[in-house]
Amino acid sequence: FSSNFALYGDLSKRVMTILQGEAPQIEIYSIDEAFLDFTGIIDKKKQA
């Protein structure tokens, strides 16, 4: 495939929107990576 950055960028936004609703703080590190603050979550593995 040729690179389709319009598609990749839009799907990235959709993923990041979901992640933003799952943690009190988030750092979007790149188009496909994000750090989330899991402080206070009891069963961290289940949440993940």
All heavy atoms as atom14 arrays in JSON, in Angstrom:
{
  "sequence": "FSSNFALYGDLSKRVMTILQGEAPQIEIYSIDEAFLDFTGIIDKKKQA",
  "atom14_mask": [
    [1, 1, 1, 1, 1, 1, 1, 1, 1, 1, 1, 0, 0, 0],
    [1, 1, 1, 1, 1, 1, 0, 0, 0, 0, 0, 0, 0, 0],
    [1, 1, 1, 1, 1, 1, 0, 0, 0, 0, 0, 0, 0, 0],
    [1, 1, 1, 1, 1, 1, 1, 1, 0, 0, 0, 0, 0, 0],
    [1, 1, 1, 1, 1, 1, 1, 1, 1, 1, 1, 0, 0, 0],
    [1, 1, 1, 1, 1, 0, 0, 0, 0, 0, 0, 0, 0, 0],
    [1, 1, 1, 1, 1, 1, 1, 1, 0, 0, 0, 0, 0, 0],
    [1, 1, 1, 1, 1, 1, 1, 1, 1, 1, 1, 1, 0, 0],
    [1, 1, 1, 1, 0, 0, 0, 0, 0, 0, 0, 0, 0, 0],
    [1, 1, 1, 1, 1, 1, 1, 1, 0, 0, 0, 0, 0, 0],
    [1, 1, 1, 1, 1, 1, 1, 1, 0, 0, 0, 0, 0, 0],
    [1, 1, 1, 1, 1, 1, 0, 0, 0, 0, 0, 0, 0, 0],
    [1, 1, 1, 1, 1, 1, 1, 1, 1, 0, 0, 0, 0, 0],
    [1, 1, 1, 1, 1, 1, 1, 1, 1, 1, 1, 0, 0, 0],
    [1, 1, 1, 1, 1, 1, 1, 0, 0, 0, 0, 0, 0, 0],
    [1, 1, 1, 1, 1, 1, 1, 1, 0, 0, 0, 0, 0, 0],
    [1, 1, 1, 1, 1, 1, 1, 0, 0, 0, 0, 0, 0, 0],
    [1, 1, 1, 1, 1, 1, 1, 1, 0, 0, 0, 0, 0, 0],
    [1, 1, 1, 1, 1, 1, 1, 1, 0, 0, 0, 0, 0, 0],
    [1, 1, 1, 1, 1, 1, 1, 1, 1, 0, 0, 0, 0, 0],
    [1, 1, 1, 1, 0, 0, 0, 0, 0, 0, 0, 0, 0, 0],
    [1, 1, 1, 1, 1, 1, 1, 1, 1, 0, 0, 0, 0, 0],
    [1, 1, 1, 1, 1, 0, 0, 0, 0, 0, 0, 0, 0, 0],
    [1, 1, 1, 1, 1, 1, 1, 0, 0, 0, 0, 0, 0, 0],
    [1, 1, 1, 1, 1, 1, 1, 1, 1, 0, 0, 0, 0, 0],
    [1, 1, 1, 1, 1, 1, 1, 1, 0, 0, 0, 0, 0, 0],
    [1, 1, 1, 1, 1, 1, 1, 1, 1, 0, 0, 0, 0, 0],
    [1, 1, 1, 1, 1, 1, 1, 1, 0, 0, 0, 0, 0, 0],
    [1, 1, 1, 1, 1, 1, 1, 1, 1, 1, 1, 1, 0, 0],
    [1, 1, 1, 1, 1, 1, 0, 0, 0, 0, 0, 0, 0, 0],
    [1, 1, 1, 1, 1, 1, 1, 1, 0, 0, 0, 0, 0, 0],
    [1, 1, 1, 1, 1, 1, 1, 1, 0, 0, 0, 0, 0, 0],
    [1, 1, 1, 1, 1, 1, 1, 1, 1, 0, 0, 0, 0, 0],
    [1, 1, 1, 1, 1, 0, 0, 0, 0, 0, 0, 0, 0, 0],
    [1, 1, 1, 1, 1, 1, 1, 1, 1, 1, 1, 0, 0, 0],
    [1, 1, 1, 1, 1, 1, 1, 1, 0, 0, 0, 0, 0, 0],
    [1, 1, 1, 1, 1, 1, 1, 1, 0, 0, 0, 0, 0, 0],
    [1, 1, 1, 1, 1, 1, 1, 1, 1, 1, 1, 0, 0, 0],
    [1, 1, 1, 1, 1, 1, 1, 0, 0, 0, 0, 0, 0, 0],
    [1, 1, 1, 1, 0, 0, 0, 0, 0, 0, 0, 0, 0, 0],
    [1, 1, 1, 1, 1, 1, 1, 1, 0, 0, 0, 0, 0, 0],
    [1, 1, 1, 1, 1, 1, 1, 1, 0, 0, 0, 0, 0, 0],
    [1, 1, 1, 1, 1, 1, 1, 1, 0, 0, 0, 0, 0, 0],
    [1, 1, 1, 1, 1, 1, 1, 1, 1, 0, 0, 0, 0, 0],
    [1, 1, 1, 1, 1, 1, 1, 1, 1, 0, 0, 0, 0, 0],
    [1, 1, 1, 1, 1, 1, 1, 1, 1, 0, 0, 0, 0, 0],
    [1, 1, 1, 1, 1, 1, 1, 1, 1, 0, 0, 0, 0, 0],
    [1, 1, 1, 1, 1, 0, 0, 0, 0, 0, 0, 0, 0, 0]
  ],
  "atom14_positions": [
    [[0.83, -1.21, 0.0], [0.0, 0.0, 0.0], [0.86, 1.26, 0.0], [1.93, 1.3, 0.63], [-0.9, 0.03, 1.24], [-1.96, -1.03, 1.26], [-1.72, -2.25, 1.88], [-3.18, -0.82, 0.65], [-2.69, -3.25, 1.9], [-4.16, -1.81, 0.67], [-3.92, -3.04, 1.29], [0.0, 0.0, 0.0], [0.0, 0.0, 0.0], [0.0, 0.0, 0.0]],
    [[0.38, 2.28, -0.71], [0.95, 3.62, -0.55], [0.51, 4.16, 0.81], [-0.55, 3.78, 1.32], [0.45, 4.55, -1.66], [0.77, 4.04, -2.94], [0.0, 0.0, 0.0], [0.0, 0.0, 0.0], [0.0, 0.0, 0.0], [0.0, 0.0, 0.0], [0.0, 0.0, 0.0], [0.0, 0.0, 0.0], [0.0, 0.0, 0.0], [0.0, 0.0, 0.0]],
    [[1.31, 5.04, 1.4], [0.95, 5.58, 2.7], [-0.3, 6.46, 2.59], [-0.37, 7.35, 1.75], [2.12, 6.38, 3.28], [2.65, 7.27, 2.33], [0.0, 0.0, 0.0], [0.0, 0.0, 0.0], [0.0, 0.0, 0.0], [0.0, 0.0, 0.0], [0.0, 0.0, 0.0], [0.0, 0.0, 0.0], [0.0, 0.0, 0.0], [0.0, 0.0, 0.0]],
    [[-1.27, 6.17, 3.46], [-2.56, 6.86, 3.46], [-2.68, 7.6, 4.8], [-3.37, 7.15, 5.71], [-3.7, 5.84, 3.3], [-5.05, 6.5, 3.11], [-5.23, 7.67, 3.43], [-6.01, 5.74, 2.61], [0.0, 0.0, 0.0], [0.0, 0.0, 0.0], [0.0, 0.0, 0.0], [0.0, 0.0, 0.0], [0.0, 0.0, 0.0], [0.0, 0.0, 0.0]],
    [[-2.0, 8.74, 4.91], [-1.91, 9.41, 6.2], [-3.24, 10.02, 6.65], [-3.44, 10.25, 7.85], [-0.81, 10.47, 6.18], [0.57, 9.87, 6.06], [1.36, 10.11, 4.95], [1.06, 9.04, 7.05], [2.62, 9.54, 4.84], [2.32, 8.47, 6.96], [3.1, 8.72, 5.84], [0.0, 0.0, 0.0], [0.0, 0.0, 0.0], [0.0, 0.0, 0.0]],
    [[-4.14, 10.29, 5.72], [-5.46, 10.77, 6.11], [-6.2, 9.69, 6.91], [-6.8, 9.97, 7.95], [-6.27, 11.16, 4.87], [0.0, 0.0, 0.0], [0.0, 0.0, 0.0], [0.0, 0.0, 0.0], [0.0, 0.0, 0.0], [0.0, 0.0, 0.0], [0.0, 0.0, 0.0], [0.0, 0.0, 0.0], [0.0, 0.0, 0.0], [0.0, 0.0, 0.0]],
    [[-6.12, 8.46, 6.43], [-6.75, 7.34, 7.12], [-6.07, 7.07, 8.46], [-6.73, 6.92, 9.49], [-6.7, 6.08, 6.25], [-7.23, 4.79, 6.88], [-8.72, 4.9, 7.16], [-6.94, 3.59, 5.98], [0.0, 0.0, 0.0], [0.0, 0.0, 0.0], [0.0, 0.0, 0.0], [0.0, 0.0, 0.0], [0.0, 0.0, 0.0], [0.0, 0.0, 0.0]],
    [[-4.73, 7.03, 8.45], [-3.99, 6.71, 9.68], [-4.23, 7.78, 10.75], [-4.4, 7.46, 11.92], [-2.49, 6.59, 9.38], [-2.14, 5.67, 8.23], [-0.98, 5.87, 7.49], [-2.96, 4.61, 7.86], [-0.65, 5.04, 6.43], [-2.65, 3.79, 6.8], [-1.49, 4.01, 6.08], [-1.17, 3.2, 5.01], [0.0, 0.0, 0.0], [0.0, 0.0, 0.0]],
    [[-4.23, 9.04, 10.33], [-4.43, 10.12, 11.29], [-5.81, 10.08, 11.92], [-5.96, 10.3, 13.13], [0.0, 0.0, 0.0], [0.0, 0.0, 0.0], [0.0, 0.0, 0.0], [0.0, 0.0, 0.0], [0.0, 0.0, 0.0], [0.0, 0.0, 0.0], [0.0, 0.0, 0.0], [0.0, 0.0, 0.0], [0.0, 0.0, 0.0], [0.0, 0.0, 0.0]],
    [[-6.83, 9.77, 11.12], [-8.19, 9.72, 11.65], [-8.37, 8.55, 12.61], [-8.97, 8.71, 13.68], [-9.2, 9.62, 10.5], [-10.63, 9.72, 10.99], [-11.02, 10.81, 11.46], [-11.35, 8.71, 10.94], [0.0, 0.0, 0.0], [0.0, 0.0, 0.0], [0.0, 0.0, 0.0], [0.0, 0.0, 0.0], [0.0, 0.0, 0.0], [0.0, 0.0, 0.0]],
    [[-7.85, 7.38, 12.25], [-7.97, 6.23, 13.15], [-7.17, 6.45, 14.43], [-7.57, 6.01, 15.51], [-7.52, 4.95, 12.44], [-8.49, 4.43, 11.37], [-7.91, 3.21, 10.65], [-9.84, 4.07, 11.99], [0.0, 0.0, 0.0], [0.0, 0.0, 0.0], [0.0, 0.0, 0.0], [0.0, 0.0, 0.0], [0.0, 0.0, 0.0], [0.0, 0.0, 0.0]],
    [[-6.05, 7.15, 14.32], [-5.27, 7.49, 15.52], [-6.11, 8.35, 16.47], [-6.13, 8.1, 17.68], [-4.0, 8.23, 15.13], [-3.32, 8.71, 16.27], [0.0, 0.0, 0.0], [0.0, 0.0, 0.0], [0.0, 0.0, 0.0], [0.0, 0.0, 0.0], [0.0, 0.0, 0.0], [0.0, 0.0, 0.0], [0.0, 0.0, 0.0], [0.0, 0.0, 0.0]],
    [[-6.79, 9.35, 15.93], [-7.64, 10.21, 16.76], [-8.72, 9.4, 17.47], [-9.04, 9.65, 18.64], [-8.28, 11.31, 15.91], [-7.31, 12.36, 15.43], [-8.03, 13.39, 14.56], [-7.04, 14.42, 13.99], [-7.72, 15.38, 13.07], [0.0, 0.0, 0.0], [0.0, 0.0, 0.0], [0.0, 0.0, 0.0], [0.0, 0.0, 0.0], [0.0, 0.0, 0.0]],
    [[-9.27, 8.42, 16.78], [-10.33, 7.59, 17.37], [-9.78, 6.76, 18.53], [-10.42, 6.61, 19.56], [-10.96, 6.71, 16.3], [-11.73, 7.51, 15.26], [-12.11, 6.68, 14.04], [-12.66, 7.53, 12.99], [-13.92, 7.49, 12.56], [-14.76, 6.62, 13.1], [-14.33, 8.29, 11.61], [0.0, 0.0, 0.0], [0.0, 0.0, 0.0], [0.0, 0.0, 0.0]],
    [[-8.58, 6.2, 18.32], [-7.95, 5.42, 19.39], [-7.67, 6.31, 20.59], [-7.98, 5.96, 21.74], [-6.66, 4.76, 18.89], [-5.89, 4.13, 20.06], [-6.96, 3.68, 17.85], [0.0, 0.0, 0.0], [0.0, 0.0, 0.0], [0.0, 0.0, 0.0], [0.0, 0.0, 0.0], [0.0, 0.0, 0.0], [0.0, 0.0, 0.0], [0.0, 0.0, 0.0]],
    [[-7.07, 7.48, 20.35], [-6.7, 8.38, 21.44], [-7.91, 8.9, 22.19], [-7.87, 9.11, 23.4], [-5.85, 9.54, 20.92], [-4.54, 9.12, 20.27], [-3.51, 8.08, 21.36], [-2.32, 7.42, 20.18], [0.0, 0.0, 0.0], [0.0, 0.0, 0.0], [0.0, 0.0, 0.0], [0.0, 0.0, 0.0], [0.0, 0.0, 0.0], [0.0, 0.0, 0.0]],
    [[-9.02, 9.1, 21.49], [-10.25, 9.54, 22.14], [-10.74, 8.51, 23.14], [-11.18, 8.84, 24.25], [-11.35, 9.83, 21.1], [-10.91, 10.87, 20.23], [-12.64, 10.25, 21.76], [0.0, 0.0, 0.0], [0.0, 0.0, 0.0], [0.0, 0.0, 0.0], [0.0, 0.0, 0.0], [0.0, 0.0, 0.0], [0.0, 0.0, 0.0], [0.0, 0.0, 0.0]],
    [[-10.64, 7.23, 22.77], [-11.03, 6.16, 23.69], [-10.11, 6.16, 24.91], [-10.57, 6.07, 26.06], [-10.96, 4.79, 22.98], [-12.0, 4.71, 21.87], [-11.18, 3.65, 23.98], [-11.86, 3.49, 20.98], [0.0, 0.0, 0.0], [0.0, 0.0, 0.0], [0.0, 0.0, 0.0], [0.0, 0.0, 0.0], [0.0, 0.0, 0.0], [0.0, 0.0, 0.0]],
    [[-8.81, 6.27, 24.67], [-7.84, 6.24, 25.78], [-8.07, 7.41, 26.74], [-7.92, 7.25, 27.96], [-6.42, 6.28, 25.23], [-5.99, 5.14, 24.3], [-4.52, 5.28, 23.93], [-6.24, 3.78, 24.94], [0.0, 0.0, 0.0], [0.0, 0.0, 0.0], [0.0, 0.0, 0.0], [0.0, 0.0, 0.0], [0.0, 0.0, 0.0], [0.0, 0.0, 0.0]],
    [[-8.43, 8.57, 26.21], [-8.65, 9.75, 27.06], [-9.82, 9.56, 28.01], [-9.87, 10.21, 29.06], [-8.87, 10.99, 26.18], [-7.59, 11.47, 25.51], [-7.83, 12.55, 24.47], [-8.91, 12.61, 23.87], [-6.84, 13.39, 24.23], [0.0, 0.0, 0.0], [0.0, 0.0, 0.0], [0.0, 0.0, 0.0], [0.0, 0.0, 0.0], [0.0, 0.0, 0.0]],
    [[-10.73, 8.67, 27.67], [-11.86, 8.4, 28.55], [-11.61, 7.32, 29.58], [-12.48, 7.01, 30.4], [0.0, 0.0, 0.0], [0.0, 0.0, 0.0], [0.0, 0.0, 0.0], [0.0, 0.0, 0.0], [0.0, 0.0, 0.0], [0.0, 0.0, 0.0], [0.0, 0.0, 0.0], [0.0, 0.0, 0.0], [0.0, 0.0, 0.0], [0.0, 0.0, 0.0]],
    [[-10.4, 6.74, 29.56], [-10.1, 5.6, 30.43], [-9.1, 5.91, 31.53], [-8.79, 5.04, 32.34], [-9.57, 4.44, 29.59], [-10.55, 3.9, 28.56], [-11.79, 3.3, 29.19], [-11.64, 2.6, 30.22], [-12.9, 3.53, 28.66], [0.0, 0.0, 0.0], [0.0, 0.0, 0.0], [0.0, 0.0, 0.0], [0.0, 0.0, 0.0], [0.0, 0.0, 0.0]],
    [[-8.56, 7.12, 31.57], [-7.55, 7.46, 32.58], [-7.65, 8.95, 32.9], [-8.03, 9.75, 32.04], [-6.15, 7.12, 32.08], [0.0, 0.0, 0.0], [0.0, 0.0, 0.0], [0.0, 0.0, 0.0], [0.0, 0.0, 0.0], [0.0, 0.0, 0.0], [0.0, 0.0, 0.0], [0.0, 0.0, 0.0], [0.0, 0.0, 0.0], [0.0, 0.0, 0.0]],
    [[-7.3, 9.33, 34.13], [-7.39, 10.75, 34.51], [-6.38, 11.64, 33.81], [-6.58, 12.84, 33.68], [-7.12, 10.72, 36.03], [-6.33, 9.46, 36.25], [-6.87, 8.48, 35.25], [0.0, 0.0, 0.0], [0.0, 0.0, 0.0], [0.0, 0.0, 0.0], [0.0, 0.0, 0.0], [0.0, 0.0, 0.0], [0.0, 0.0, 0.0], [0.0, 0.0, 0.0]],
    [[-5.28, 11.04, 33.34], [-4.25, 11.82, 32.64], [-3.66, 10.98, 31.54], [-3.43, 9.78, 31.7], [-3.15, 12.27, 33.61], [-2.15, 13.23, 32.98], [-1.1, 13.71, 33.98], [-1.09, 13.27, 35.13], [-0.22, 14.59, 33.55], [0.0, 0.0, 0.0], [0.0, 0.0, 0.0], [0.0, 0.0, 0.0], [0.0, 0.0, 0.0], [0.0, 0.0, 0.0]],
    [[-3.39, 11.61, 30.39], [-2.85, 10.89, 29.24], [-1.84, 11.77, 28.52], [-2.03, 12.98, 28.42], [-3.97, 10.44, 28.27], [-3.39, 9.76, 27.02], [-4.85, 11.59, 27.89], [-4.44, 9.18, 26.09], [0.0, 0.0, 0.0], [0.0, 0.0, 0.0], [0.0, 0.0, 0.0], [0.0, 0.0, 0.0], [0.0, 0.0, 0.0], [0.0, 0.0, 0.0]],
    [[-0.77, 11.17, 28.06], [0.2, 11.86, 27.21], [0.24, 11.16, 25.86], [0.64, 10.0, 25.76], [1.61, 11.82, 27.83], [2.67, 12.41, 26.91], [4.09, 12.22, 27.44], [4.26, 12.01, 28.66], [5.03, 12.27, 26.62], [0.0, 0.0, 0.0], [0.0, 0.0, 0.0], [0.0, 0.0, 0.0], [0.0, 0.0, 0.0], [0.0, 0.0, 0.0]],
    [[-0.23, 11.84, 24.83], [-0.18, 11.27, 23.48], [1.25, 11.44, 22.99], [1.69, 12.55, 22.69], [-1.19, 11.96, 22.55], [-2.61, 11.75, 23.09], [-1.06, 11.42, 21.13], [-3.68, 12.48, 22.31], [0.0, 0.0, 0.0], [0.0, 0.0, 0.0], [0.0, 0.0, 0.0], [0.0, 0.0, 0.0], [0.0, 0.0, 0.0], [0.0, 0.0, 0.0]],
    [[1.97, 10.34, 22.92], [3.4, 10.38, 22.64], [3.69, 10.42, 21.13], [4.65, 11.05, 20.69], [4.09, 9.18, 23.28], [5.58, 9.17, 23.12], [6.37, 10.13, 23.74], [6.21, 8.2, 22.34], [7.75, 10.13, 23.6], [7.58, 8.19, 22.19], [8.35, 9.15, 22.82], [9.71, 9.15, 22.66], [0.0, 0.0, 0.0], [0.0, 0.0, 0.0]],
    [[2.89, 9.72, 20.35], [3.06, 9.7, 18.89], [1.74, 9.31, 18.26], [0.73, 9.15, 18.96], [4.16, 8.71, 18.48], [3.75, 7.38, 18.74], [0.0, 0.0, 0.0], [0.0, 0.0, 0.0], [0.0, 0.0, 0.0], [0.0, 0.0, 0.0], [0.0, 0.0, 0.0], [0.0, 0.0, 0.0], [0.0, 0.0, 0.0], [0.0, 0.0, 0.0]],
    [[1.73, 9.13, 16.96], [0.49, 8.8, 16.26], [-0.09, 7.47, 16.73], [-1.3, 7.25, 16.66], [0.71, 8.77, 14.73], [-0.62, 8.72, 13.98], [1.62, 7.62, 14.31], [-0.51, 8.88, 12.48], [0.0, 0.0, 0.0], [0.0, 0.0, 0.0], [0.0, 0.0, 0.0], [0.0, 0.0, 0.0], [0.0, 0.0, 0.0], [0.0, 0.0, 0.0]],
    [[0.75, 6.58, 17.27], [0.26, 5.25, 17.66], [0.63, 4.86, 19.08], [0.51, 3.69, 19.46], [0.78, 4.19, 16.68], [2.3, 4.09, 16.67], [2.97, 4.95, 17.26], [2.82, 3.14, 16.05], [0.0, 0.0, 0.0], [0.0, 0.0, 0.0], [0.0, 0.0, 0.0], [0.0, 0.0, 0.0], [0.0, 0.0, 0.0], [0.0, 0.0, 0.0]],
    [[1.05, 5.82, 19.91], [1.44, 5.52, 21.29], [0.9, 6.57, 22.25], [0.85, 7.75, 21.92], [2.96, 5.51, 21.45], [3.69, 4.39, 20.79], [5.19, 4.52, 21.01], [5.82, 5.3, 20.27], [5.73, 3.87, 21.93], [0.0, 0.0, 0.0], [0.0, 0.0, 0.0], [0.0, 0.0, 0.0], [0.0, 0.0, 0.0], [0.0, 0.0, 0.0]],
    [[0.56, 6.12, 23.47], [0.14, 7.06, 24.51], [0.45, 6.47, 25.88], [0.31, 5.26, 26.09], [-1.35, 7.38, 24.4], [0.0, 0.0, 0.0], [0.0, 0.0, 0.0], [0.0, 0.0, 0.0], [0.0, 0.0, 0.0], [0.0, 0.0, 0.0], [0.0, 0.0, 0.0], [0.0, 0.0, 0.0], [0.0, 0.0, 0.0], [0.0, 0.0, 0.0]],
    [[0.91, 7.34, 26.78], [1.09, 6.96, 28.18], [-0.16, 7.34, 28.95], [-0.7, 8.44, 28.78], [2.3, 7.7, 28.78], [3.63, 7.27, 28.24], [4.28, 8.04, 27.28], [4.25, 6.11, 28.68], [5.52, 7.66, 26.78], [5.48, 5.72, 28.19], [6.12, 6.5, 27.24], [0.0, 0.0, 0.0], [0.0, 0.0, 0.0], [0.0, 0.0, 0.0]],
    [[-0.61, 6.44, 29.84], [-1.79, 6.69, 30.67], [-1.42, 6.57, 32.14], [-0.61, 5.71, 32.52], [-2.91, 5.69, 30.36], [-3.77, 5.92, 29.12], [-2.96, 5.71, 27.84], [-4.97, 4.98, 29.12], [0.0, 0.0, 0.0], [0.0, 0.0, 0.0], [0.0, 0.0, 0.0], [0.0, 0.0, 0.0], [0.0, 0.0, 0.0], [0.0, 0.0, 0.0]],
    [[-2.01, 7.4, 32.96], [-1.82, 7.33, 34.41], [-2.82, 6.33, 34.99], [-4.02, 6.58, 34.97], [-2.03, 8.72, 35.02], [-1.79, 8.73, 36.53], [-1.41, 7.68, 37.08], [-1.98, 9.79, 37.14], [0.0, 0.0, 0.0], [0.0, 0.0, 0.0], [0.0, 0.0, 0.0], [0.0, 0.0, 0.0], [0.0, 0.0, 0.0], [0.0, 0.0, 0.0]],
    [[-2.31, 5.2, 35.51], [-3.17, 4.17, 36.1], [-3.19, 4.25, 37.62], [-3.61, 3.31, 38.29], [-2.7, 2.78, 35.64], [-3.47, 2.25, 34.46], [-3.86, 3.09, 33.44], [-3.79, 0.9, 34.35], [-4.56, 2.61, 32.34], [-4.49, 0.41, 33.26], [-4.88, 1.28, 32.25], [0.0, 0.0, 0.0], [0.0, 0.0, 0.0], [0.0, 0.0, 0.0]],
    [[-2.74, 5.37, 38.18], [-2.75, 5.54, 39.63], [-4.18, 5.45, 40.16], [-5.11, 6.07, 39.62], [-2.17, 6.92, 40.01], [-0.84, 7.02, 39.5], [-2.13, 7.08, 41.53], [0.0, 0.0, 0.0], [0.0, 0.0, 0.0], [0.0, 0.0, 0.0], [0.0, 0.0, 0.0], [0.0, 0.0, 0.0], [0.0, 0.0, 0.0], [0.0, 0.0, 0.0]],
    [[-4.36, 4.67, 41.22], [-5.67, 4.54, 41.84], [-6.52, 3.41, 41.3], [-7.55, 3.06, 41.88], [0.0, 0.0, 0.0], [0.0, 0.0, 0.0], [0.0, 0.0, 0.0], [0.0, 0.0, 0.0], [0.0, 0.0, 0.0], [0.0, 0.0, 0.0], [0.0, 0.0, 0.0], [0.0, 0.0, 0.0], [0.0, 0.0, 0.0], [0.0, 0.0, 0.0]],
    [[-6.11, 2.82, 40.18], [-6.86, 1.68, 39.61], [-6.45, 0.41, 40.37], [-5.27, 0.08, 40.45], [-6.59, 1.54, 38.12], [-7.1, 2.78, 37.37], [-7.23, 0.27, 37.56], [-6.77, 2.81, 35.91], [0.0, 0.0, 0.0], [0.0, 0.0, 0.0], [0.0, 0.0, 0.0], [0.0, 0.0, 0.0], [0.0, 0.0, 0.0], [0.0, 0.0, 0.0]],
    [[-7.42, -0.28, 40.93], [-7.12, -1.43, 41.8], [-6.6, -2.61, 40.99], [-5.48, -3.08, 41.2], [-8.38, -1.83, 42.61], [-8.8, -0.66, 43.52], [-8.09, -3.08, 43.44], [-10.1, -0.87, 44.24], [0.0, 0.0, 0.0], [0.0, 0.0, 0.0], [0.0, 0.0, 0.0], [0.0, 0.0, 0.0], [0.0, 0.0, 0.0], [0.0, 0.0, 0.0]],
    [[-7.41, -3.11, 40.07], [-6.99, -4.26, 39.25], [-6.46, -3.73, 37.92], [-7.19, -3.62, 36.93], [-8.16, -5.2, 39.03], [-7.72, -6.56, 38.45], [-6.62, -6.61, 37.87], [-8.47, -7.53, 38.57], [0.0, 0.0, 0.0], [0.0, 0.0, 0.0], [0.0, 0.0, 0.0], [0.0, 0.0, 0.0], [0.0, 0.0, 0.0], [0.0, 0.0, 0.0]],
    [[-5.19, -3.38, 37.93], [-4.6, -2.71, 36.76], [-4.55, -3.62, 35.53], [-4.77, -3.18, 34.41], [-3.2, -2.2, 37.12], [-3.22, -1.1, 38.18], [-1.83, -0.7, 38.57], [-1.85, 0.49, 39.53], [-2.6, 0.21, 40.78], [0.0, 0.0, 0.0], [0.0, 0.0, 0.0], [0.0, 0.0, 0.0], [0.0, 0.0, 0.0], [0.0, 0.0, 0.0]],
    [[-4.24, -4.89, 35.73], [-4.15, -5.8, 34.59], [-5.51, -5.98, 33.93], [-5.62, -5.96, 32.7], [-3.58, -7.14, 35.03], [-3.35, -8.1, 33.86], [-2.61, -9.35, 34.29], [-2.33, -10.26, 33.09], [-1.58, -11.47, 33.49], [0.0, 0.0, 0.0], [0.0, 0.0, 0.0], [0.0, 0.0, 0.0], [0.0, 0.0, 0.0], [0.0, 0.0, 0.0]],
    [[-6.55, -6.16, 34.75], [-7.9, -6.31, 34.2], [-8.31, -5.07, 33.44], [-8.9, -5.15, 32.35], [-8.91, -6.59, 35.32], [-10.34, -6.79, 34.81], [-11.3, -7.06, 35.95], [-12.71, -7.34, 35.42], [-13.25, -6.22, 34.61], [0.0, 0.0, 0.0], [0.0, 0.0, 0.0], [0.0, 0.0, 0.0], [0.0, 0.0, 0.0], [0.0, 0.0, 0.0]],
    [[-8.0, -3.89, 34.01], [-8.32, -2.64, 33.33], [-7.61, -2.56, 31.98], [-8.2, -2.12, 30.98], [-7.9, -1.46, 34.21], [-8.12, -0.09, 33.59], [-9.57, 0.35, 33.63], [-10.43, -0.36, 34.17], [-9.86, 1.52, 33.06], [0.0, 0.0, 0.0], [0.0, 0.0, 0.0], [0.0, 0.0, 0.0], [0.0, 0.0, 0.0], [0.0, 0.0, 0.0]],
    [[-6.35, -3.0, 31.95], [-5.58, -2.96, 30.71], [-6.16, -3.91, 29.67], [-6.25, -3.57, 28.48], [-4.12, -3.3, 30.99], [0.0, 0.0, 0.0], [0.0, 0.0, 0.0], [0.0, 0.0, 0.0], [0.0, 0.0, 0.0], [0.0, 0.0, 0.0], [0.0, 0.0, 0.0], [0.0, 0.0, 0.0], [0.0, 0.0, 0.0], [0.0, 0.0, 0.0]]
  ]
}
